[in-house]
Amino acid sequence: MGYQQGLSGLSASSNDLDVIGNNIANSNTVGFKQSTAQFADLYANTIATSVNDQIGIGTQLSGVQQDFKQGTFNTTGQALNVAINGTGFYQMSNNGTVTYSRNGVFQLDKNGFITNSQGLQLMGYAANANGVINSAQTVPIQVPTTNIAPIATQNITAQLNLNAQDAVPAVTPFVSTNSQTYNYSTSIQTYDSLGGSQQVNMYFVKTATNSWDVYSGPASGAISKVGSVGFSTAGALTSTTPTAPATSPATGQITFSVPNTDGSATPQSLTLNLAGTTQYGGADGVNNLKQDGYASGQLTNFSIGADGTISGTYSNGRTQSLGQIVLANFNNPNGLQNLGGNEYAETSASGVPQVSAPGSTNHGTLTGGAVENSNVDLTSQLVDLITAQRNYQANAQTIKTQQTVDQTLINL
């Protein structure tokens, strides 16, 4: 026995204690992966040494292996907290240099970029103004702060029941301010190309058995007859006759126009779709009434889906894709270089990153409003700590024993 073995053992045990201590210190670090120190024995390399009487000269640290097993999730409710469920790493941009991380605690910077606590920008697929994802390349994801553009109303869907037992109004001609000139009316708010709104009124006048006239126009403008509809003896809508210049693209549909005065495109073409409207012997009323236009809107909230899609919710009720987070996989995650700060760098040992949307091929999925806890098992780490301490003490004892042997020789 010599000092070499004891010193190498002390060094190895010290490294083991360092690794275990680092694991314990990061037991609350989001996305942290625990490590294990790996050791190898040492033997003298000489040609003259017989294989039958080789004596080891100690141990050495052969590597520190990280355990990339899944950590538990902690629900935070924060929109920009994201946890990876399965394999993969976030791509982060550091002024063009790409690093990788499992820490999903993000925030918005002053320019709308999604960043981590070090200011690195989260990478993914960008979306255009219409919410279409461009998966051709990854770029830093920027959440738009501008208002979403309005969409002009083109279609009004109205499913009504017109009472078959209504009488033909005795007062003619039609007057929108006189309820005795029509049997039923309803209205809906529409939007023009600038997002301006105006109310469009619709009136229904029974003219004969199974036959009704339809009037429409803006609440602040002239009301005119746009067509007539007919029903079968079973109460189903069977015919549509438009009044020029209105047209009828299909049975139950009447296309007419309304004027706009706010600088938007005018006249605005609207298609009233009455398909599904019935004439039964019940009260006049609306079963379904909707239109397909929107005012402009401000971003009020956003969420992240399992596939990484960032969906924005706007003040006008619309939801639109703002971008998509991507994940990168590696053939050998243990080949990544640990940069600290929960960041890794690609190396030749890790292989090239395989970048794709979450949930595709062998990539994990994302859980929004949650973070992945450290996968450190404190119980096992404390047991390992005791073992490493005992190993250190035992190696120190071998040095002490060698000192006693040396002293004995000196005293001869």
Protein backbone atom coordinates (compact mmCIF):
# COMPACT_ATOMS: atom_id res chain seq x y z
CA MET A 1 0.00 0.00 0.00
CA GLY A 2 1.26 3.50 -0.86
CA TYR A 3 0.19 7.09 -0.70
CA GLN A 4 -0.91 7.04 -4.37
CA GLN A 5 -3.96 4.86 -3.74
CA GLY A 6 -5.07 6.84 -0.72
CA LEU A 7 -4.61 10.21 -2.40
CA SER A 8 -6.51 9.10 -5.50
CA GLY A 9 -9.27 7.76 -3.28
CA LEU A 10 -9.46 11.06 -1.41
CA SER A 11 -9.66 12.93 -4.70
CA ALA A 12 -12.37 10.60 -6.01
CA SER A 13 -14.40 10.82 -2.80
CA SER A 14 -14.05 14.59 -2.86
CA ASN A 15 -15.38 14.66 -6.43
CA ASP A 16 -18.26 12.41 -5.37
CA LEU A 17 -19.09 14.76 -2.51
CA ASP A 18 -18.99 17.71 -4.92
CA VAL A 19 -21.44 16.04 -7.31
CA ILE A 20 -23.82 15.01 -4.53
CA GLY A 21 -23.59 18.47 -2.96
CA ASN A 22 -24.40 20.05 -6.31
CA ASN A 23 -27.45 17.81 -6.65
CA ILE A 24 -28.69 18.74 -3.18
CA ALA A 25 -28.04 22.44 -3.79
CA ASN A 26 -30.16 22.30 -6.97
CA SER A 27 -33.03 20.26 -5.57
CA ASN A 28 -35.31 23.30 -6.07
CA THR A 29 -33.89 24.42 -9.43
CA VAL A 30 -36.52 24.23 -12.17
CA GLY A 31 -35.59 21.71 -14.87
CA PHE A 32 -32.38 20.59 -13.11
CA LYS A 33 -31.17 17.04 -13.79
CA GLN A 34 -29.22 15.21 -11.09
CA SER A 35 -25.76 13.78 -11.80
CA THR A 36 -23.78 10.76 -10.70
CA ALA A 37 -19.99 10.58 -10.44
CA GLN A 38 -18.50 7.60 -12.31
CA PHE A 39 -15.09 6.16 -11.39
CA ALA A 40 -12.48 3.84 -12.94
CA ASP A 41 -9.51 2.00 -11.45
CA LEU A 42 -5.86 2.80 -12.25
CA TYR A 43 -3.06 0.35 -13.08
CA ALA A 44 0.55 0.95 -14.00
CA ASN A 45 1.25 0.44 -17.69
CA THR A 46 4.59 -1.39 -18.08
CA ILE A 47 5.51 -4.19 -20.43
CA ALA A 48 7.40 -6.03 -17.72
CA THR A 49 4.42 -6.21 -15.38
CA SER A 50 2.92 -9.66 -15.13
CA VAL A 51 -0.82 -9.93 -15.42
CA ASN A 52 -0.80 -12.16 -12.37
CA ASP A 53 0.74 -9.70 -9.94
CA GLN A 54 -0.70 -6.34 -11.03
CA ILE A 55 -1.47 -4.05 -8.12
CA GLY A 56 -3.75 -1.10 -8.70
CA ILE A 57 -2.46 2.39 -8.04
CA GLY A 58 -5.81 3.94 -7.19
CA THR A 59 -8.92 5.34 -8.80
CA GLN A 60 -9.91 8.22 -11.05
CA LEU A 61 -13.03 10.16 -12.02
CA SER A 62 -14.09 8.75 -15.38
CA GLY A 63 -17.04 11.06 -15.88
CA VAL A 64 -20.09 12.76 -14.44
CA GLN A 65 -23.29 11.32 -15.90
CA GLN A 66 -26.53 13.26 -15.81
CA ASP A 67 -29.88 11.58 -15.31
CA PHE A 68 -32.37 13.11 -17.75
CA LYS A 69 -35.41 11.30 -16.37
CA GLN A 70 -38.66 13.27 -16.10
CA GLY A 71 -39.18 15.57 -13.13
CA THR A 72 -42.55 16.13 -11.49
CA PHE A 73 -44.74 19.07 -12.51
CA ASN A 74 -45.68 22.06 -10.39
CA THR A 75 -48.76 23.96 -11.57
CA THR A 76 -48.21 27.72 -11.40
CA GLY A 77 -51.02 29.10 -13.56
CA GLN A 78 -48.57 31.50 -15.20
CA ALA A 79 -49.11 31.73 -18.96
CA LEU A 80 -45.38 31.72 -19.72
CA ASN A 81 -44.46 28.83 -17.44
CA VAL A 82 -44.08 25.73 -19.63
CA ALA A 83 -43.05 22.18 -18.72
CA ILE A 84 -41.71 19.54 -21.11
CA ASN A 85 -43.46 16.19 -20.74
CA GLY A 86 -41.04 13.70 -22.27
CA THR A 87 -37.83 14.20 -24.21
CA GLY A 88 -36.49 17.40 -25.66
CA PHE A 89 -34.95 20.76 -24.86
CA TYR A 90 -36.01 24.35 -25.51
CA GLN A 91 -33.89 26.18 -28.05
CA MET A 92 -32.60 29.48 -26.69
CA SER A 93 -30.85 32.23 -28.65
CA ASN A 94 -28.00 34.16 -27.05
CA ASN A 95 -27.34 36.88 -29.64
CA GLY A 96 -27.45 34.23 -32.36
CA THR A 97 -25.65 31.49 -30.39
CA VAL A 98 -28.09 28.65 -29.75
CA THR A 99 -28.18 26.86 -26.40
CA TYR A 100 -30.60 24.31 -24.95
CA SER A 101 -32.55 24.16 -21.69
CA ARG A 102 -35.26 22.32 -19.75
CA ASN A 103 -36.13 25.37 -17.64
CA GLY A 104 -39.53 26.59 -18.80
CA VAL A 105 -39.81 29.77 -16.75
CA PHE A 106 -40.22 32.54 -19.32
CA GLN A 107 -41.34 36.16 -19.49
CA LEU A 108 -41.82 38.89 -22.08
CA ASP A 109 -39.15 41.54 -22.56
CA LYS A 110 -39.86 45.14 -23.54
CA ASN A 111 -39.88 44.21 -27.24
CA GLY A 112 -42.32 41.33 -26.87
CA PHE A 113 -39.73 38.53 -27.13
CA ILE A 114 -40.17 35.51 -24.87
CA THR A 115 -37.02 35.25 -22.74
CA ASN A 116 -35.65 33.40 -19.72
CA SER A 117 -34.15 34.97 -16.59
CA GLN A 118 -30.78 35.38 -18.34
CA GLY A 119 -32.38 37.30 -21.21
CA LEU A 120 -31.95 34.46 -23.74
CA GLN A 121 -34.72 34.38 -26.35
CA LEU A 122 -36.96 31.33 -26.79
CA MET A 123 -36.83 29.91 -30.33
CA GLY A 124 -39.70 28.53 -32.39
CA TYR A 125 -41.79 28.96 -35.51
CA ALA A 126 -43.18 32.42 -36.27
CA ALA A 127 -46.78 33.15 -37.29
CA ASN A 128 -47.86 35.72 -39.86
CA ALA A 129 -50.56 38.37 -39.37
CA ASN A 130 -53.23 35.79 -40.19
CA GLY A 131 -51.98 33.29 -37.60
CA VAL A 132 -50.40 30.89 -40.12
CA ILE A 133 -47.35 29.10 -38.69
CA ASN A 134 -44.15 29.14 -40.79
CA SER A 135 -42.25 25.93 -39.99
CA ALA A 136 -39.48 26.56 -42.52
CA GLN A 137 -37.06 27.93 -39.90
CA THR A 138 -36.76 28.66 -36.20
CA VAL A 139 -36.53 32.25 -35.00
CA PRO A 140 -36.83 34.03 -31.65
CA ILE A 141 -40.54 34.08 -30.80
CA GLN A 142 -42.00 37.58 -30.54
CA VAL A 143 -45.53 38.17 -29.28
CA PRO A 144 -47.13 40.99 -31.31
CA THR A 145 -48.28 44.00 -29.29
CA THR A 146 -50.25 45.66 -32.10
CA ASN A 147 -54.01 45.40 -32.44
CA ILE A 148 -55.35 42.52 -34.48
CA ALA A 149 -56.93 43.69 -37.73
CA PRO A 150 -60.72 43.79 -38.03
CA ILE A 151 -62.66 41.47 -40.30
CA ALA A 152 -65.63 42.82 -42.22
CA THR A 153 -68.90 40.95 -41.85
CA GLN A 154 -69.81 38.98 -44.93
CA ASN A 155 -72.38 36.50 -43.67
CA ILE A 156 -75.30 36.69 -41.27
CA THR A 157 -76.74 33.36 -40.17
CA ALA A 158 -80.31 33.50 -38.83
CA GLN A 159 -82.27 30.39 -37.93
CA LEU A 160 -85.74 31.48 -36.91
CA ASN A 161 -89.22 30.17 -36.43
CA LEU A 162 -91.92 32.22 -38.12
CA ASN A 163 -95.32 31.48 -36.62
CA ALA A 164 -97.50 29.75 -39.20
CA GLN A 165 -100.59 31.07 -37.38
CA ASP A 166 -99.59 34.71 -37.69
CA ALA A 167 -102.10 36.85 -39.61
CA VAL A 168 -101.19 38.95 -42.62
CA PRO A 169 -100.66 42.52 -41.30
CA ALA A 170 -103.64 44.75 -42.07
CA VAL A 171 -101.54 47.90 -42.30
CA THR A 172 -99.55 48.51 -45.51
CA PRO A 173 -97.07 49.53 -46.84
CA PHE A 174 -94.21 48.43 -44.60
CA VAL A 175 -93.00 50.96 -41.98
CA SER A 176 -90.16 49.90 -39.68
CA THR A 177 -91.34 52.18 -36.88
CA ASN A 178 -94.83 50.70 -36.93
CA SER A 179 -94.97 47.18 -35.49
CA GLN A 180 -98.40 46.69 -37.08
CA THR A 181 -96.75 46.52 -40.52
CA TYR A 182 -94.65 43.43 -39.81
CA ASN A 183 -94.96 40.18 -37.85
CA TYR A 184 -91.48 39.76 -36.43
CA SER A 185 -88.15 41.60 -36.30
CA THR A 186 -84.63 40.95 -35.07
CA SER A 187 -81.25 42.68 -35.37
CA ILE A 188 -77.52 41.96 -35.23
CA GLN A 189 -74.36 44.06 -34.95
CA THR A 190 -72.09 43.88 -38.01
CA TYR A 191 -68.58 45.20 -38.68
CA ASP A 192 -67.09 46.97 -41.68
CA SER A 193 -63.55 46.81 -43.10
CA LEU A 194 -62.29 49.34 -40.52
CA GLY A 195 -63.86 47.50 -37.62
CA GLY A 196 -66.66 50.03 -37.27
CA SER A 197 -69.96 48.57 -36.12
CA GLN A 198 -73.52 49.20 -37.03
CA GLN A 199 -76.79 47.44 -36.32
CA VAL A 200 -78.55 45.69 -39.18
CA ASN A 201 -82.28 45.14 -38.68
CA MET A 202 -84.33 42.37 -40.28
CA TYR A 203 -88.11 42.34 -40.57
CA PHE A 204 -90.42 39.50 -41.60
CA VAL A 205 -93.87 40.16 -43.02
CA LYS A 206 -96.38 37.41 -43.74
CA THR A 207 -97.97 38.01 -47.15
CA ALA A 208 -99.98 34.79 -47.61
CA THR A 209 -100.13 31.21 -46.40
CA ASN A 210 -96.55 29.82 -46.38
CA SER A 211 -95.17 33.05 -47.89
CA TRP A 212 -93.16 35.85 -46.20
CA ASP A 213 -91.38 39.03 -47.31
CA VAL A 214 -87.96 39.89 -45.87
CA TYR A 215 -86.89 43.51 -45.24
CA SER A 216 -83.48 44.62 -44.05
CA GLY A 217 -81.19 47.60 -43.67
CA PRO A 218 -79.03 49.52 -41.17
CA ALA A 219 -80.72 50.86 -38.06
CA SER A 220 -79.68 54.38 -39.02
CA GLY A 221 -80.64 54.11 -42.70
CA ALA A 222 -83.34 53.10 -45.11
CA ILE A 223 -85.08 49.73 -44.80
CA SER A 224 -85.97 47.95 -48.05
CA LYS A 225 -87.41 44.68 -49.20
CA VAL A 226 -84.57 42.26 -50.05
CA GLY A 227 -86.60 39.18 -50.97
CA SER A 228 -89.32 36.67 -50.22
CA VAL A 229 -89.22 33.13 -48.79
CA GLY A 230 -91.65 30.29 -49.08
CA PHE A 231 -92.36 27.26 -46.86
CA SER A 232 -93.82 23.83 -47.44
CA THR A 233 -96.90 22.51 -45.68
CA ALA A 234 -94.49 20.78 -43.28
CA GLY A 235 -92.97 24.11 -42.29
CA ALA A 236 -89.63 23.72 -44.13
CA LEU A 237 -88.08 26.60 -46.10
CA THR A 238 -88.39 25.70 -49.78
CA SER A 239 -87.88 28.83 -51.90
CA THR A 240 -86.07 32.17 -51.96
CA THR A 241 -86.91 35.02 -54.33
CA PRO A 242 -84.57 38.05 -54.11
CA THR A 243 -85.70 41.59 -54.82
CA ALA A 244 -83.34 43.38 -57.22
CA PRO A 245 -80.59 44.41 -56.77
CA ALA A 246 -80.40 41.71 -54.10
CA THR A 247 -79.42 38.20 -55.28
CA SER A 248 -79.90 34.65 -54.01
CA PRO A 249 -76.77 32.43 -54.17
CA ALA A 250 -78.74 29.44 -52.88
CA THR A 251 -82.08 28.53 -51.37
CA GLY A 252 -82.49 30.38 -48.08
CA GLN A 253 -79.75 32.92 -48.88
CA ILE A 254 -80.25 36.57 -49.80
CA THR A 255 -77.31 38.85 -50.65
CA PHE A 256 -77.86 42.57 -50.24
CA SER A 257 -75.75 45.64 -49.39
CA VAL A 258 -75.68 48.33 -46.73
CA PRO A 259 -73.94 51.73 -46.87
CA ASN A 260 -71.00 52.68 -44.62
CA THR A 261 -70.10 56.25 -43.75
CA ASP A 262 -66.85 55.92 -41.73
CA GLY A 263 -64.43 55.66 -44.64
CA SER A 264 -64.60 51.87 -44.92
CA ALA A 265 -65.43 49.99 -48.10
CA THR A 266 -68.98 50.86 -49.17
CA PRO A 267 -71.48 49.56 -49.99
CA GLN A 268 -70.85 46.50 -47.84
CA SER A 269 -72.19 43.23 -49.22
CA LEU A 270 -73.97 40.98 -46.71
CA THR A 271 -75.43 37.52 -47.22
CA LEU A 272 -78.37 36.64 -45.00
CA ASN A 273 -78.52 32.87 -44.62
CA LEU A 274 -81.94 31.71 -43.44
CA ALA A 275 -81.27 27.99 -43.99
CA GLY A 276 -82.81 26.08 -41.10
CA THR A 277 -85.57 28.63 -40.58
CA THR A 278 -88.97 27.01 -40.02
CA GLN A 279 -92.62 27.98 -40.14
CA TYR A 280 -94.27 26.07 -37.33
CA GLY A 281 -97.32 26.86 -35.30
CA GLY A 282 -95.35 28.33 -32.42
CA ALA A 283 -94.11 31.71 -31.28
CA ASP A 284 -91.94 33.82 -33.56
CA GLY A 285 -88.34 33.71 -32.33
CA VAL A 286 -84.61 33.23 -32.92
CA ASN A 287 -82.96 29.82 -32.54
CA ASN A 288 -79.54 30.93 -33.82
CA LEU A 289 -78.20 34.32 -34.85
CA LYS A 290 -74.56 35.09 -35.65
CA GLN A 291 -72.27 36.95 -38.05
CA ASP A 292 -68.64 36.38 -39.10
CA GLY A 293 -67.10 39.85 -38.64
CA TYR A 294 -64.91 41.26 -35.87
CA ALA A 295 -63.80 44.64 -34.64
CA SER A 296 -60.09 45.24 -34.12
CA GLY A 297 -58.83 43.81 -30.84
CA GLN A 298 -56.04 44.07 -28.28
CA LEU A 299 -54.18 41.06 -26.92
CA THR A 300 -55.60 40.27 -23.48
CA ASN A 301 -54.18 36.83 -22.75
CA PHE A 302 -52.44 33.88 -24.33
CA SER A 303 -51.95 30.19 -23.66
CA ILE A 304 -49.57 27.45 -24.79
CA GLY A 305 -50.91 24.16 -26.12
CA ALA A 306 -49.45 20.66 -25.93
CA ASP A 307 -48.03 21.07 -29.45
CA GLY A 308 -46.28 24.31 -28.48
CA THR A 309 -48.74 26.60 -30.28
CA ILE A 310 -49.03 29.98 -28.57
CA SER A 311 -52.65 31.11 -28.90
CA GLY A 312 -53.55 34.74 -28.24
CA THR A 313 -56.96 35.82 -26.99
CA TYR A 314 -58.06 39.29 -28.04
CA SER A 315 -60.52 41.79 -26.64
CA ASN A 316 -62.84 41.26 -29.62
CA GLY A 317 -63.24 37.57 -28.75
CA ARG A 318 -60.95 36.24 -31.45
CA THR A 319 -58.24 33.65 -30.86
CA GLN A 320 -55.20 33.49 -33.14
CA SER A 321 -51.91 31.61 -33.28
CA LEU A 322 -48.94 33.83 -32.39
CA GLY A 323 -46.17 31.27 -32.91
CA GLN A 324 -45.09 27.77 -31.95
CA ILE A 325 -42.41 26.60 -29.52
CA VAL A 326 -40.10 23.87 -30.85
CA LEU A 327 -38.12 21.17 -29.06
CA ALA A 328 -34.68 19.77 -29.87
CA ASN A 329 -33.67 16.14 -29.25
CA PHE A 330 -30.16 14.66 -29.20
CA ASN A 331 -28.98 11.10 -29.77
CA ASN A 332 -26.75 11.43 -26.71
CA PRO A 333 -27.98 14.05 -24.21
CA ASN A 334 -25.07 13.16 -21.92
CA GLY A 335 -22.76 14.49 -24.62
CA LEU A 336 -24.10 18.03 -24.12
CA GLN A 337 -21.82 20.55 -22.47
CA ASN A 338 -23.29 21.95 -19.26
CA LEU A 339 -22.90 25.73 -19.36
CA GLY A 340 -24.56 26.47 -16.03
CA GLY A 341 -27.68 28.55 -15.66
CA ASN A 342 -29.73 25.54 -16.80
CA GLU A 343 -28.20 25.87 -20.27
CA TYR A 344 -26.48 23.23 -22.42
CA ALA A 345 -24.42 23.46 -25.59
CA GLU A 346 -24.24 21.05 -28.52
CA THR A 347 -21.01 19.06 -28.92
CA SER A 348 -19.75 16.43 -31.31
CA ALA A 349 -20.50 13.84 -28.61
CA SER A 350 -24.16 14.86 -28.33
CA GLY A 351 -24.88 14.74 -32.04
CA VAL A 352 -26.78 17.38 -33.99
CA PRO A 353 -30.13 18.67 -32.67
CA GLN A 354 -33.29 17.15 -34.11
CA VAL A 355 -35.69 20.09 -34.11
CA SER A 356 -39.43 19.60 -34.45
CA ALA A 357 -42.79 20.63 -33.01
CA PRO A 358 -43.73 19.13 -29.62
CA GLY A 359 -45.62 15.86 -29.92
CA SER A 360 -44.13 14.93 -33.29
CA THR A 361 -41.94 11.84 -33.81
CA ASN A 362 -40.01 11.23 -30.56
CA HIS A 363 -40.41 14.74 -29.15
CA GLY A 364 -42.22 15.36 -25.88
CA THR A 365 -45.30 17.52 -25.41
CA LEU A 366 -45.70 20.77 -23.48
CA THR A 367 -47.86 21.64 -20.49
CA GLY A 368 -48.64 25.33 -20.16
CA GLY A 369 -49.03 26.99 -16.79
CA ALA A 370 -46.62 24.55 -15.13
CA VAL A 371 -42.90 24.00 -14.56
CA GLU A 372 -40.82 20.83 -14.35
CA ASN A 373 -39.29 20.37 -10.92
CA SER A 374 -35.74 19.17 -10.37
CA ASN A 375 -35.52 15.37 -10.58
CA VAL A 376 -33.18 15.21 -7.56
CA ASP A 377 -34.24 12.49 -5.09
CA LEU A 378 -33.19 14.05 -1.79
CA THR A 379 -33.59 10.82 0.17
CA SER A 380 -31.19 8.86 -2.04
CA GLN A 381 -28.81 11.82 -2.22
CA LEU A 382 -28.55 12.03 1.57
CA VAL A 383 -27.82 8.29 1.72
CA ASP A 384 -25.18 8.72 -1.00
CA LEU A 385 -23.75 11.63 0.98
CA ILE A 386 -23.21 9.40 4.00
CA THR A 387 -21.59 6.74 1.80
CA ALA A 388 -19.27 9.28 0.17
CA GLN A 389 -18.28 10.63 3.58
CA ARG A 390 -17.41 7.14 4.80
CA ASN A 391 -15.37 6.54 1.64
CA TYR A 392 -13.44 9.74 2.25
CA GLN A 393 -12.73 8.75 5.84
CA ALA A 394 -11.62 5.26 4.80
CA ASN A 395 -9.20 6.63 2.20
CA ALA A 396 -7.80 9.04 4.77
CA GLN A 397 -7.23 6.03 7.02
CA THR A 398 -5.12 4.29 4.34
CA ILE A 399 -2.80 7.32 4.28
CA LYS A 400 -2.61 7.30 8.06
CA THR A 401 -1.73 3.60 7.99
CA GLN A 402 1.00 4.19 5.42
CA GLN A 403 2.43 6.89 7.67
CA THR A 404 2.59 4.38 10.55
CA VAL A 405 4.37 1.86 8.33
CA ASP A 406 6.89 4.52 7.27
CA GLN A 407 7.52 5.53 10.85
CA THR A 408 8.15 1.91 11.80
CA LEU A 409 10.81 1.65 9.09
CA ILE A 410 12.47 4.88 10.23
CA ASN A 411 12.63 3.61 13.81
CA LEU A 412 14.55 0.43 12.82
